[in-house]
């Protein structure tokens, strides 16, 4: 056995591979029962290792682990105390804040959960984590029924977004705060939410503003822009871009923050991939809005190649988010633009 292999084995024996909150979560989710003490070996090793360590990072991870174990046992008050300790020791990652807020929500203390999340979002280190913004919206709109005006008044001061690799999903994560602020301003002003799916900001000839793509699911991707003519519309640019949802996309679609209420949702499509209707591959998918099938077996190509097609569905939002999902039947689902307004 080489020296490097011996060192690797020694490291695994002395320092378990629980070096992040995410790896603690993964270890606990892999099996075991906290109540009976039947825990994964990596968890028990980390407990033994961290007991004698005084550095803040190790103790923060230990407190987080203890919080997770207590939370699994339903001991929410004790778990919240451990998460609060982890937050005091480490304010660089979102997991302790998220679980502390969830303990408060489960204990019917939504106002305290909102305060924890807003405090986290006030930190420059944490504003790039979309999960914190999403939880804040869920608590504020879904649990507390706060208004967009209230959220804008309490909105954390945004810091410049960090540089990220060339990925529209990562950019969407770090820009979630600015995207949410834009949406709240639209709601306060009484303007419809208009999103150019897969594309950039566009101003129509009549002055209508379509903002760049946002609030899409992780495994989606923008399509190649189409440069030809679009029939059936006076606003061709919004139909030249698309967002695609490849096979196997989890929760494929959009999740748009909205306060409780009734909404009209208009979805815009144009088939710009297959030119020959006689040979065109089928693109068939279901469109589900807030859990209800709005269109079953929808094929945007039936309107004709490079031809605009749009339709409107009404829905009620009660949990802080409008969910639009595309369920694949044949080919990849896609969408060109969407509009959300009060009926």
Protein backbone atom coordinates (compact mmCIF):
# COMPACT_ATOMS: atom_id res chain seq x y z
CA UNK A 1 0.00 0.00 0.00
CA UNK A 2 1.37 3.44 -0.95
CA UNK A 3 1.96 6.18 1.59
CA UNK A 4 -0.80 8.28 0.03
CA UNK A 5 -3.29 5.40 0.42
CA UNK A 6 -2.25 4.92 4.04
CA UNK A 7 -2.74 8.64 4.69
CA UNK A 8 -6.19 8.54 3.05
CA UNK A 9 -7.23 5.59 5.23
CA UNK A 10 -5.86 7.33 8.32
CA UNK A 11 -7.76 10.50 7.49
CA UNK A 12 -11.03 8.58 7.07
CA UNK A 13 -10.51 6.87 10.42
CA UNK A 14 -9.71 10.09 12.28
CA UNK A 15 -11.74 12.73 10.43
CA UNK A 16 -15.01 11.57 8.88
CA UNK A 17 -16.13 12.89 5.53
CA UNK A 18 -18.70 15.17 7.17
CA UNK A 19 -17.05 18.41 6.09
CA UNK A 20 -20.16 20.36 5.09
CA UNK A 21 -23.79 20.78 6.04
CA UNK A 22 -24.76 19.13 2.77
CA UNK A 23 -22.70 16.03 3.57
CA UNK A 24 -24.29 15.85 7.04
CA UNK A 25 -27.69 15.93 5.37
CA UNK A 26 -26.64 13.24 2.91
CA UNK A 27 -25.34 10.99 5.69
CA UNK A 28 -28.51 11.33 7.76
CA UNK A 29 -30.75 10.81 4.75
CA UNK A 30 -28.88 7.62 3.83
CA UNK A 31 -30.47 5.68 6.68
CA UNK A 32 -30.47 5.07 10.39
CA UNK A 33 -32.80 6.00 13.21
CA UNK A 34 -31.96 8.95 15.45
CA UNK A 35 -34.36 7.89 18.22
CA UNK A 36 -32.80 4.45 18.63
CA UNK A 37 -29.23 5.67 18.19
CA UNK A 38 -28.79 3.54 15.07
CA UNK A 39 -26.88 6.13 13.03
CA UNK A 40 -24.54 5.93 10.02
CA UNK A 41 -20.94 5.26 11.02
CA UNK A 42 -19.77 8.58 9.57
CA UNK A 43 -22.17 10.41 11.90
CA UNK A 44 -21.00 8.68 15.06
CA UNK A 45 -17.35 9.20 14.08
CA UNK A 46 -17.98 12.88 13.53
CA UNK A 47 -19.68 13.16 16.92
CA UNK A 48 -16.64 11.60 18.60
CA UNK A 49 -14.19 13.70 16.60
CA UNK A 50 -15.94 17.05 17.13
CA UNK A 51 -16.52 16.62 20.85
CA UNK A 52 -12.95 17.68 21.69
CA UNK A 53 -12.60 20.38 19.02
CA UNK A 54 -13.08 24.04 19.90
CA UNK A 55 -12.77 25.74 16.49
CA UNK A 56 -15.94 27.52 15.38
CA UNK A 57 -16.37 25.63 12.12
CA UNK A 58 -16.34 22.18 13.74
CA UNK A 59 -18.61 23.25 16.56
CA UNK A 60 -21.04 24.85 14.10
CA UNK A 61 -21.24 21.58 12.17
CA UNK A 62 -21.69 19.64 15.40
CA UNK A 63 -24.54 21.92 16.48
CA UNK A 64 -26.13 21.53 13.05
CA UNK A 65 -25.85 17.74 13.27
CA UNK A 66 -27.41 17.74 16.73
CA UNK A 67 -30.17 19.96 15.41
CA UNK A 68 -30.90 17.60 12.54
CA UNK A 69 -31.04 14.62 14.90
CA UNK A 70 -33.40 16.42 17.28
CA UNK A 71 -35.54 17.64 14.40
CA UNK A 72 -35.90 14.08 13.14
CA UNK A 73 -37.16 13.09 16.61
CA UNK A 74 -39.74 15.89 16.52
CA UNK A 75 -38.02 17.85 19.32
CA UNK A 76 -38.43 21.18 17.56
CA UNK A 77 -37.57 23.53 20.43
CA UNK A 78 -34.33 21.68 21.21
CA UNK A 79 -33.48 21.48 17.51
CA UNK A 80 -34.08 25.22 17.08
CA UNK A 81 -31.66 25.93 19.94
CA UNK A 82 -28.93 23.88 18.22
CA UNK A 83 -29.55 25.56 14.85
CA UNK A 84 -29.44 28.97 16.54
CA UNK A 85 -26.06 28.03 18.00
CA UNK A 86 -24.82 26.97 14.55
CA UNK A 87 -26.02 30.29 13.12
CA UNK A 88 -24.09 32.17 15.82
CA UNK A 89 -20.91 30.24 15.01
CA UNK A 90 -21.18 30.24 11.21
CA UNK A 91 -23.00 32.85 9.12
CA UNK A 92 -21.54 31.87 5.75
CA UNK A 93 -23.89 29.10 4.56
CA UNK A 94 -27.69 28.87 4.41
CA UNK A 95 -28.48 25.43 5.87
CA UNK A 96 -28.59 26.38 9.59
CA UNK A 97 -30.82 29.39 8.83
CA UNK A 98 -33.14 27.31 6.63
CA UNK A 99 -33.60 24.57 9.23
CA UNK A 100 -34.02 27.07 12.05
CA UNK A 101 -36.78 28.75 10.05
CA UNK A 102 -38.41 25.38 9.32
CA UNK A 103 -38.45 24.54 13.04
CA UNK A 104 -40.21 27.83 13.74
CA UNK A 105 -42.72 27.21 10.94
CA UNK A 106 -43.46 23.71 12.22
CA UNK A 107 -43.98 25.22 15.67
CA UNK A 108 -46.50 27.74 14.23
CA UNK A 109 -44.06 30.62 14.73
CA UNK A 110 -44.04 31.97 11.18
CA UNK A 111 -43.15 35.51 12.24
CA UNK A 112 -39.97 34.24 13.92
CA UNK A 113 -39.15 32.17 10.82
CA UNK A 114 -39.54 35.26 8.63
CA UNK A 115 -37.24 37.24 10.91
CA UNK A 116 -34.54 34.54 10.74
CA UNK A 117 -34.66 34.39 6.95
CA UNK A 118 -34.66 38.16 6.52
CA UNK A 119 -31.67 38.38 8.86
CA UNK A 120 -29.82 35.81 6.74
CA UNK A 121 -30.63 37.68 3.53
CA UNK A 122 -29.17 40.83 5.03
CA UNK A 123 -25.75 39.16 4.90
CA UNK A 124 -23.66 39.71 1.78
CA UNK A 125 -22.39 36.12 2.03
CA UNK A 126 -25.87 34.62 1.79
CA UNK A 127 -27.73 36.68 -0.80
CA UNK A 128 -26.59 34.40 -3.62
CA UNK A 129 -28.48 31.40 -2.21
CA UNK A 130 -31.88 31.20 -3.92
CA UNK A 131 -33.23 28.77 -1.30
CA UNK A 132 -33.18 31.52 1.32
CA UNK A 133 -35.17 33.91 -0.88
CA UNK A 134 -37.62 31.13 -1.78
CA UNK A 135 -38.18 30.27 1.90
CA UNK A 136 -38.64 33.95 2.75
CA UNK A 137 -41.32 34.25 0.06
CA UNK A 138 -43.02 31.06 1.22
CA UNK A 139 -43.24 32.27 4.80
CA UNK A 140 -44.12 35.86 3.93
CA UNK A 141 -46.77 35.19 1.27
CA UNK A 142 -47.92 31.70 2.21
CA UNK A 143 -47.85 31.74 6.03
CA UNK A 144 -48.15 35.41 6.98
CA UNK A 145 -50.18 36.68 3.99
CA UNK A 146 -47.96 39.73 3.73
CA UNK A 147 -48.46 42.11 0.83
CA UNK A 148 -45.89 42.88 -1.89
CA UNK A 149 -45.73 46.42 -0.50
CA UNK A 150 -44.79 45.06 2.94
CA UNK A 151 -42.05 42.88 1.48
CA UNK A 152 -40.60 45.78 -0.49
CA UNK A 153 -40.51 47.89 2.66
CA UNK A 154 -38.53 45.15 4.45
CA UNK A 155 -36.48 44.12 1.43
CA UNK A 156 -32.80 43.51 2.27
CA UNK A 157 -30.30 45.91 0.71
CA UNK A 158 -28.85 44.02 -2.26
CA UNK A 159 -25.11 43.68 -2.72
CA UNK A 160 -23.46 43.19 -6.13
CA UNK A 161 -24.00 39.60 -7.29
CA UNK A 162 -20.87 37.40 -7.39
CA UNK A 163 -19.40 36.21 -10.67
CA UNK A 164 -20.51 32.71 -11.62
CA UNK A 165 -19.66 30.23 -14.41
CA UNK A 166 -21.51 30.52 -17.72
CA UNK A 167 -24.72 28.86 -16.56
CA UNK A 168 -28.15 30.48 -16.77
CA UNK A 169 -29.29 28.46 -13.74
CA UNK A 170 -26.39 29.64 -11.53
CA UNK A 171 -26.96 33.20 -12.67
CA UNK A 172 -30.64 32.82 -11.80
CA UNK A 173 -29.66 31.64 -8.31
CA UNK A 174 -27.37 34.55 -7.51
CA UNK A 175 -29.78 37.01 -9.15
CA UNK A 176 -32.87 35.69 -7.36
CA UNK A 177 -32.96 38.65 -4.99
CA UNK A 178 -32.97 41.22 -7.80
CA UNK A 179 -35.52 39.13 -9.74
CA UNK A 180 -37.79 39.04 -6.70
CA UNK A 181 -37.46 42.79 -6.16
CA UNK A 182 -38.42 43.40 -9.82
CA UNK A 183 -41.48 41.18 -9.41
CA UNK A 184 -42.59 42.90 -6.19
CA UNK A 185 -42.29 46.29 -7.86
CA UNK A 186 -44.49 45.08 -10.72
CA UNK A 187 -47.10 43.84 -8.28
CA UNK A 188 -47.09 47.04 -6.25
CA UNK A 189 -47.45 49.10 -9.44
CA UNK A 190 -50.27 46.86 -10.68
CA UNK A 191 -48.31 45.81 -13.78
CA UNK A 192 -48.57 42.29 -15.26
CA UNK A 193 -45.59 39.97 -14.88
CA UNK A 194 -44.23 39.42 -18.40
CA UNK A 195 -41.30 37.03 -18.97
CA UNK A 196 -39.54 36.39 -22.29
CA UNK A 197 -38.78 32.70 -21.79
CA UNK A 198 -35.27 31.76 -22.87
CA UNK A 199 -34.62 35.34 -23.98
CA UNK A 200 -33.56 38.80 -22.87
CA UNK A 201 -35.49 41.99 -22.10
CA UNK A 202 -37.64 43.15 -25.02
CA UNK A 203 -39.77 46.23 -25.56
CA UNK A 204 -42.66 45.82 -28.00
CA UNK A 205 -43.64 48.49 -30.51
CA UNK A 206 -46.53 49.53 -28.26
CA UNK A 207 -44.20 49.95 -25.28
CA UNK A 208 -44.99 46.64 -23.59
CA UNK A 209 -41.96 45.40 -21.63
CA UNK A 210 -41.03 41.71 -21.55
CA UNK A 211 -38.31 41.05 -19.00
CA UNK A 212 -35.51 38.52 -19.34
CA UNK A 213 -36.10 34.92 -18.36
CA UNK A 214 -36.29 34.02 -14.65
CA UNK A 215 -37.96 31.68 -12.11
CA UNK A 216 -37.43 28.59 -14.33
CA UNK A 217 -36.61 25.07 -13.14
CA UNK A 218 -33.01 23.95 -12.74
CA UNK A 219 -32.75 21.32 -15.47
CA UNK A 220 -34.23 23.48 -18.23
CA UNK A 221 -32.19 25.32 -20.85
CA UNK A 222 -32.70 28.17 -23.32
CA UNK A 223 -33.25 27.17 -26.94
CA UNK A 224 -31.38 28.48 -29.95
CA UNK A 225 -32.93 31.79 -31.08
CA UNK A 226 -34.98 31.63 -34.27
CA UNK A 227 -34.27 34.36 -36.81
CA UNK A 228 -37.11 33.82 -39.29
CA UNK A 229 -40.57 35.31 -39.53
CA UNK A 230 -43.23 34.41 -36.96
CA UNK A 231 -46.78 34.30 -38.27
CA UNK A 232 -49.89 35.21 -36.32
CA UNK A 233 -48.45 38.00 -34.17
CA UNK A 234 -47.37 41.63 -34.29
CA UNK A 235 -44.72 40.97 -31.65
CA UNK A 236 -42.43 38.42 -33.27
CA UNK A 237 -39.33 38.74 -31.00
CA UNK A 238 -40.94 37.09 -27.98
CA UNK A 239 -41.66 33.96 -30.05
CA UNK A 240 -38.11 33.67 -31.40
CA UNK A 241 -36.74 32.57 -28.03
CA UNK A 242 -37.81 29.53 -26.04
CA UNK A 243 -37.02 27.66 -22.86
CA UNK A 244 -36.76 23.90 -23.29
CA UNK A 245 -37.34 21.19 -20.71
CA UNK A 246 -35.27 18.10 -21.62
CA UNK A 247 -36.39 14.56 -20.95
CA UNK A 248 -36.41 13.68 -17.29
CA UNK A 249 -36.52 17.28 -16.08
CA UNK A 250 -37.63 17.34 -12.46
CA UNK A 251 -40.55 19.69 -11.82
CA UNK A 252 -40.05 21.08 -15.33
CA UNK A 253 -41.50 24.54 -15.62
CA UNK A 254 -41.69 27.82 -13.71
CA UNK A 255 -42.23 28.69 -10.05
CA UNK A 256 -43.17 32.35 -9.78
CA UNK A 257 -43.49 34.06 -6.35
CA UNK A 258 -47.01 35.49 -5.86
CA UNK A 259 -49.20 36.50 -2.93
CA UNK A 260 -52.44 34.65 -2.29
CA UNK A 261 -55.08 35.49 -4.87
CA UNK A 262 -56.67 34.78 -8.24
CA UNK A 263 -54.62 35.19 -11.42
CA UNK A 264 -54.87 34.97 -15.19
CA UNK A 265 -51.91 33.20 -16.80
CA UNK A 266 -51.29 33.53 -20.53
CA UNK A 267 -48.78 31.14 -22.11
CA UNK A 268 -47.17 31.80 -25.50
CA UNK A 269 -45.74 29.14 -27.83
CA UNK A 270 -44.34 28.81 -31.36
CA UNK A 271 -42.93 25.67 -33.00
CA UNK A 272 -39.68 26.82 -34.66
CA UNK A 273 -37.77 23.54 -34.84
CA UNK A 274 -39.32 21.24 -37.47
CA UNK A 275 -40.09 23.05 -40.75
CA UNK A 276 -41.90 20.33 -42.72
CA UNK A 277 -45.35 19.65 -41.21
CA UNK A 278 -45.50 16.31 -43.04
CA UNK A 279 -42.29 15.10 -41.45
CA UNK A 280 -42.38 17.08 -38.24
CA UNK A 281 -41.65 15.10 -35.12
CA UNK A 282 -44.42 15.35 -32.55
CA UNK A 283 -43.98 17.67 -29.58
CA UNK A 284 -46.76 16.77 -27.19
CA UNK A 285 -46.96 17.64 -23.50
CA UNK A 286 -49.40 18.43 -20.72
CA UNK A 287 -49.48 21.88 -19.15
CA UNK A 288 -50.28 21.85 -15.42
CA UNK A 289 -51.04 25.13 -13.63
CA UNK A 290 -51.28 25.06 -9.84
CA UNK A 291 -51.79 21.31 -9.86
CA UNK A 292 -54.61 21.34 -12.43
CA UNK A 293 -54.15 20.13 -16.01
CA UNK A 294 -54.78 23.21 -18.14
CA UNK A 295 -54.03 21.52 -21.48
CA UNK A 296 -53.61 17.80 -22.04
CA UNK A 297 -51.67 16.54 -25.05
CA UNK A 298 -50.83 20.05 -26.21
CA UNK A 299 -48.81 20.37 -29.45
CA UNK A 300 -47.73 23.94 -30.31
CA UNK A 301 -46.96 22.83 -33.88
CA UNK A 302 -50.63 22.34 -34.69
CA UNK A 303 -50.90 26.11 -35.16
CA UNK A 304 -48.34 25.78 -37.97
CA UNK A 305 -44.58 26.12 -38.23
CA UNK A 306 -43.24 29.41 -36.81
CA UNK A 307 -46.77 30.47 -35.92
CA UNK A 308 -47.68 32.13 -32.63
CA UNK A 309 -50.13 30.35 -30.38
CA UNK A 310 -51.27 31.60 -26.97
CA UNK A 311 -54.02 30.83 -24.50
CA UNK A 312 -55.06 31.88 -21.01
CA UNK A 313 -55.95 29.92 -17.88
CA UNK A 314 -57.25 31.22 -14.56
CA UNK A 315 -55.99 29.89 -11.24
CA UNK A 316 -55.81 30.52 -7.50
CA UNK A 317 -52.48 30.77 -5.65
CA UNK A 318 -52.40 30.09 -1.90
CA UNK A 319 -48.88 28.91 -0.98
CA UNK A 320 -46.73 31.84 -2.15
CA UNK A 321 -45.89 30.45 -5.60
CA UNK A 322 -47.54 30.01 -8.98
CA UNK A 323 -46.40 26.61 -10.29
CA UNK A 324 -46.46 25.98 -14.04
CA UNK A 325 -45.32 22.49 -15.00
CA UNK A 326 -44.76 20.80 -18.36
CA UNK A 327 -45.19 17.03 -18.42
CA UNK A 328 -43.52 15.36 -21.39
CA UNK A 329 -45.37 12.99 -23.71
CA UNK A 330 -43.39 13.23 -26.98
CA UNK A 331 -40.43 15.51 -27.66
CA UNK A 332 -39.23 18.23 -25.31
CA UNK A 333 -41.79 20.67 -23.87
CA UNK A 334 -41.03 24.33 -24.54
CA UNK A 335 -42.50 27.79 -24.01
CA UNK A 336 -41.77 31.19 -25.57
CA UNK A 337 -43.24 33.66 -23.08
CA UNK A 338 -45.65 33.96 -20.19
CA UNK A 339 -47.82 36.68 -18.69
CA UNK A 340 -49.39 36.80 -15.22
CA UNK A 341 -52.00 39.37 -14.22
CA UNK A 342 -54.97 39.87 -11.94
CA UNK A 343 -58.24 38.88 -13.67
